[in-house]
Amino acid sequence: MLEISQEDANIANLAALDIETVEDLSFKFKVKKGPTAKGVLLHEIITIEVFNTPDKENIQFQPYHLIFGDSSMAIFDAFNVDETAGLTRRECQEYLDKLKAEGKTETWDGAYIAGLCNWAGNQIYQFINVGRSIFPGYANRIIPHESLHMARMLITLEANEYIRSNAGKDKWWEDERATFTQLSDDNEEYFAESLERISAIAYDRYDKVKGKVKLPAKNTQSEKTSLSPEEYKTNNAPAGKKG
């Protein structure tokens, strides 16, 4: 695992200088603009405002990064790192180069990263590869898939003080206290209400950026037409805690 410097790990602090706005999609959330390197179509730091669910009140989630990119490479560029979640910039570039040499694309032939939720230092992010999700119907799979992972991460952080205080430190995930909340651990409505909010924001943002990536022509040798488990290189656990 790459040891991300404090500067990289706290990249969200750079965005804290930007104006924070409040938006409403039947629930309110705050938005700050994050850095947008080349290939990053959208980078926002999202804070869902306090909400209640049955048997649970005053839920306050920590901010998370919502990132859309034109290819798998965008997640590395968004945080200016060479590794995230055990995936590397070098392997990603080799994969993209191989596709190009064969006249193939991530859209039709499978992405190095279709979507991912994980940590960059002490920051959490939800990433969607628009270059892959513009395949007809794929956004309806990738977005809820990653939104469920993000819901679990936010719920875990709300419940687990150890993770809140230690995420970003060296091998923090190896401590026995770094336990992730399971659906069976809490009220199902809590998960459902959280997922509603996270996925609603992601779909809203996807609608705004999907037109920025043109659907490429399909290579006659392209065979992949479904989203395979192999596209998800990890189980969305922190790097080093993959199962």
Protein backbone atom coordinates (compact mmCIF):
# COMPACT_ATOMS: atom_id res chain seq x y z
CA MET A 1 0.00 0.00 0.00
CA LEU A 2 1.23 3.46 -0.85
CA GLU A 3 1.90 5.63 2.16
CA ILE A 4 0.06 8.79 1.19
CA SER A 5 1.65 11.96 2.52
CA GLN A 6 -0.30 14.16 4.87
CA GLU A 7 -0.53 16.71 2.07
CA ASP A 8 -2.14 14.18 -0.27
CA ALA A 9 -4.30 12.66 2.46
CA ASN A 10 -5.72 16.05 3.36
CA ILE A 11 -6.29 17.23 -0.20
CA ALA A 12 -9.88 18.05 0.71
CA ASN A 13 -8.56 20.85 2.87
CA LEU A 14 -7.52 22.66 -0.30
CA ALA A 15 -11.14 22.71 -1.35
CA ALA A 16 -12.20 24.11 2.01
CA LEU A 17 -11.22 27.52 0.66
CA ASP A 18 -14.07 27.29 -1.85
CA ILE A 19 -17.57 28.51 -1.13
CA GLU A 20 -19.86 25.87 0.34
CA THR A 21 -23.35 25.74 -1.14
CA VAL A 22 -26.51 24.00 0.02
CA GLU A 23 -28.62 21.99 -2.41
CA ASP A 24 -31.95 20.20 -2.08
CA LEU A 25 -33.04 16.95 -3.75
CA SER A 26 -35.95 16.49 -1.31
CA PHE A 27 -33.22 16.43 1.36
CA LYS A 28 -30.47 18.98 1.93
CA PHE A 29 -26.75 18.53 1.50
CA LYS A 30 -23.72 20.82 1.37
CA VAL A 31 -21.29 20.92 -1.54
CA LYS A 32 -17.73 22.12 -1.93
CA LYS A 33 -15.77 21.95 -5.16
CA GLY A 34 -12.74 19.66 -5.16
CA PRO A 35 -9.69 19.82 -7.44
CA THR A 36 -10.40 18.78 -11.03
CA ALA A 37 -7.30 17.52 -12.78
CA LYS A 38 -7.36 16.56 -16.45
CA GLY A 39 -9.81 13.71 -16.97
CA VAL A 40 -11.76 14.51 -13.79
CA LEU A 41 -15.23 15.54 -14.95
CA LEU A 42 -16.55 16.41 -11.50
CA HIS A 43 -15.07 16.42 -8.02
CA GLU A 44 -17.24 17.54 -5.12
CA ILE A 45 -17.03 17.14 -1.36
CA ILE A 46 -20.51 16.21 -0.16
CA THR A 47 -21.90 16.61 3.36
CA ILE A 48 -25.41 15.26 3.87
CA GLU A 49 -27.23 17.38 6.43
CA VAL A 50 -28.54 15.90 9.69
CA PHE A 51 -31.49 13.55 9.21
CA ASN A 52 -33.62 11.08 11.15
CA THR A 53 -34.75 7.52 10.47
CA PRO A 54 -37.06 5.23 12.49
CA ASP A 55 -35.46 4.58 15.89
CA LYS A 56 -32.47 6.80 15.08
CA GLU A 57 -32.23 10.58 15.20
CA ASN A 58 -29.72 13.32 14.46
CA ILE A 59 -27.62 11.31 12.04
CA GLN A 60 -24.61 13.31 10.91
CA PHE A 61 -22.32 11.82 8.29
CA GLN A 62 -18.83 13.06 7.62
CA PRO A 63 -18.02 14.60 4.22
CA TYR A 64 -17.09 12.35 1.30
CA HIS A 65 -15.63 12.96 -2.15
CA LEU A 66 -17.83 12.27 -5.16
CA ILE A 67 -15.71 11.95 -8.29
CA PHE A 68 -16.61 11.27 -11.91
CA GLY A 69 -13.86 10.68 -14.48
CA ASP A 70 -13.58 10.03 -18.18
CA SER A 71 -11.52 6.88 -17.58
CA SER A 72 -10.09 4.72 -14.81
CA MET A 73 -7.05 7.00 -14.65
CA ALA A 74 -9.12 9.89 -13.29
CA ILE A 75 -9.20 8.55 -9.72
CA PHE A 76 -5.40 8.62 -9.54
CA ASP A 77 -5.31 12.14 -10.97
CA ALA A 78 -8.07 13.39 -8.67
CA PHE A 79 -5.85 12.81 -5.63
CA ASN A 80 -2.49 13.01 -7.42
CA VAL A 81 -1.46 9.55 -6.20
CA ASP A 82 0.09 6.50 -7.86
CA GLU A 83 -1.89 3.95 -5.86
CA THR A 84 -5.31 3.67 -4.29
CA ALA A 85 -7.06 0.65 -2.79
CA GLY A 86 -4.18 -1.55 -3.93
CA LEU A 87 -4.63 -0.44 -7.56
CA THR A 88 -1.79 1.35 -9.32
CA ARG A 89 -1.45 4.08 -11.89
CA ARG A 90 1.13 1.97 -13.73
CA GLU A 91 -1.19 -1.03 -14.09
CA CYS A 92 -4.02 1.26 -15.11
CA GLN A 93 -1.95 2.88 -17.84
CA GLU A 94 -0.79 -0.51 -19.10
CA TYR A 95 -4.39 -1.68 -19.25
CA LEU A 96 -5.53 1.45 -21.14
CA ASP A 97 -2.58 1.18 -23.54
CA LYS A 98 -3.41 -2.45 -24.26
CA LEU A 99 -7.04 -1.60 -25.03
CA LYS A 100 -5.97 1.19 -27.37
CA ALA A 101 -3.48 -1.03 -29.19
CA GLU A 102 -6.24 -3.57 -29.79
CA GLY A 103 -8.71 -0.95 -30.97
CA LYS A 104 -10.83 -1.45 -27.87
CA THR A 105 -12.23 0.85 -25.20
CA GLU A 106 -13.23 0.74 -21.55
CA THR A 107 -16.81 1.43 -22.63
CA TRP A 108 -17.28 -1.76 -24.62
CA ASP A 109 -14.53 -4.03 -23.36
CA GLY A 110 -14.34 -3.54 -19.58
CA ALA A 111 -12.66 -0.98 -17.37
CA TYR A 112 -9.68 -1.24 -15.06
CA ILE A 113 -11.95 0.48 -12.53
CA ALA A 114 -15.66 0.82 -13.32
CA GLY A 115 -16.43 2.31 -9.92
CA LEU A 116 -14.82 2.36 -6.50
CA CYS A 117 -15.34 3.50 -2.91
CA ASN A 118 -12.32 3.65 -0.66
CA TRP A 119 -9.91 5.83 1.32
CA ALA A 120 -7.31 8.30 0.12
CA GLY A 121 -5.43 8.89 3.33
CA ASN A 122 -8.13 9.93 5.80
CA GLN A 123 -10.57 10.98 3.08
CA ILE A 124 -13.29 8.71 1.68
CA TYR A 125 -14.43 8.79 -1.91
CA GLN A 126 -16.99 7.43 -4.34
CA PHE A 127 -15.66 7.18 -7.90
CA ILE A 128 -17.59 6.50 -11.09
CA ASN A 129 -15.84 5.92 -14.42
CA VAL A 130 -18.13 7.65 -16.93
CA GLY A 131 -16.11 6.18 -19.78
CA ARG A 132 -17.46 2.79 -18.69
CA SER A 133 -20.87 3.78 -17.35
CA ILE A 134 -22.02 5.29 -20.66
CA PHE A 135 -22.38 1.74 -21.96
CA PRO A 136 -26.17 1.47 -22.31
CA GLY A 137 -27.69 0.59 -18.94
CA TYR A 138 -24.43 0.42 -17.01
CA ALA A 139 -24.93 3.56 -14.94
CA ASN A 140 -27.99 1.90 -13.42
CA ARG A 141 -25.70 -0.82 -12.10
CA ILE A 142 -22.49 0.99 -11.22
CA ILE A 143 -24.04 3.93 -9.37
CA PRO A 144 -26.21 1.96 -6.91
CA HIS A 145 -23.40 -0.58 -6.48
CA GLU A 146 -20.93 2.07 -5.35
CA SER A 147 -23.59 4.03 -3.45
CA LEU A 148 -24.26 1.00 -1.27
CA HIS A 149 -20.56 0.73 -0.47
CA MET A 150 -20.48 4.43 0.42
CA ALA A 151 -23.57 4.05 2.62
CA ARG A 152 -21.81 1.34 4.60
CA MET A 153 -18.65 3.42 4.89
CA LEU A 154 -20.52 6.47 6.17
CA ILE A 155 -22.59 4.42 8.60
CA THR A 156 -19.42 2.73 9.84
CA LEU A 157 -17.68 6.07 10.38
CA GLU A 158 -20.70 7.42 12.24
CA ALA A 159 -20.62 4.41 14.56
CA ASN A 160 -16.91 3.70 14.97
CA GLU A 161 -14.86 6.33 16.75
CA TYR A 162 -11.64 4.35 16.29
CA ILE A 163 -11.91 4.53 12.50
CA ARG A 164 -12.90 8.21 12.57
CA SER A 165 -9.80 9.03 14.61
CA ASN A 166 -7.28 6.70 12.98
CA ALA A 167 -8.14 6.36 9.30
CA GLY A 168 -5.14 7.48 7.30
CA LYS A 169 -2.59 6.25 9.82
CA ASP A 170 -0.25 3.41 8.89
CA LYS A 171 -2.18 0.10 8.58
CA TRP A 172 -5.05 1.39 10.69
CA TRP A 173 -7.35 -1.27 9.22
CA GLU A 174 -5.36 -4.08 10.84
CA ASP A 175 -6.50 -3.09 14.33
CA GLU A 176 -9.28 -5.29 15.73
CA ARG A 177 -11.27 -2.14 16.50
CA ALA A 178 -11.50 -1.28 12.79
CA THR A 179 -14.79 -3.14 12.34
CA PHE A 180 -17.22 -2.26 9.56
CA THR A 181 -20.94 -2.08 10.21
CA GLN A 182 -22.99 -4.88 8.64
CA LEU A 183 -26.60 -4.60 7.51
CA SER A 184 -27.56 -6.94 10.34
CA ASP A 185 -25.94 -4.63 12.90
CA ASP A 186 -28.42 -1.80 12.57
CA ASN A 187 -31.91 -0.78 11.51
CA GLU A 188 -32.50 -1.66 7.85
CA GLU A 189 -34.31 1.65 7.33
CA TYR A 190 -31.10 3.42 8.36
CA PHE A 191 -29.25 1.75 5.51
CA ALA A 192 -32.13 2.40 3.10
CA GLU A 193 -32.47 6.10 3.96
CA SER A 194 -28.70 6.55 3.71
CA LEU A 195 -28.55 4.77 0.37
CA GLU A 196 -31.40 6.93 -0.95
CA ARG A 197 -29.46 10.10 -0.29
CA ILE A 198 -26.10 8.92 -1.60
CA SER A 199 -27.50 7.41 -4.79
CA ALA A 200 -29.78 10.41 -5.45
CA ILE A 201 -26.79 12.77 -5.35
CA ALA A 202 -24.72 10.44 -7.55
CA TYR A 203 -27.47 10.09 -10.17
CA ASP A 204 -28.05 13.85 -10.18
CA ARG A 205 -24.35 14.48 -10.83
CA TYR A 206 -24.12 11.71 -13.41
CA ASP A 207 -26.91 13.34 -15.42
CA LYS A 208 -24.81 16.51 -15.52
CA VAL A 209 -21.54 14.92 -16.68
CA LYS A 210 -22.51 11.96 -18.88
CA GLY A 211 -22.74 14.15 -21.97
CA LYS A 212 -19.08 15.10 -21.59
CA VAL A 213 -17.96 11.64 -22.74
CA LYS A 214 -18.92 10.51 -26.24
CA LEU A 215 -20.02 6.93 -26.76
CA PRO A 216 -17.20 5.41 -28.87
CA ALA A 217 -17.73 3.18 -31.86
CA LYS A 218 -17.85 -0.49 -30.97
CA ASN A 219 -14.95 -2.59 -32.21
CA THR A 220 -16.18 -5.61 -34.14
CA GLN A 221 -13.97 -7.77 -31.93
CA SER A 222 -15.47 -6.42 -28.72
CA GLU A 223 -17.04 -9.24 -26.77
CA LYS A 224 -17.78 -7.93 -23.29
CA THR A 225 -21.37 -6.83 -22.86
CA SER A 226 -21.84 -7.22 -19.12
CA LEU A 227 -20.28 -5.83 -15.97
CA SER A 228 -18.12 -8.61 -14.59
CA PRO A 229 -17.03 -8.97 -10.95
CA GLU A 230 -13.43 -8.73 -12.15
CA GLU A 231 -13.97 -5.06 -12.96
CA TYR A 232 -14.26 -4.42 -9.26
CA LYS A 233 -10.66 -5.04 -8.29
CA THR A 234 -11.33 -4.94 -4.54
CA ASN A 235 -14.17 -5.55 -2.13
CA ASN A 236 -14.12 -1.82 -1.37
CA ALA A 237 -12.38 -2.40 1.93
CA PRO A 238 -9.35 -0.23 2.71
CA ALA A 239 -6.20 -1.09 0.78
CA GLY A 240 -4.54 -3.93 2.62
CA LYS A 241 -7.86 -5.28 3.90
CA LYS A 242 -9.09 -6.84 0.70
CA GLY A 243 -10.90 -10.13 0.88
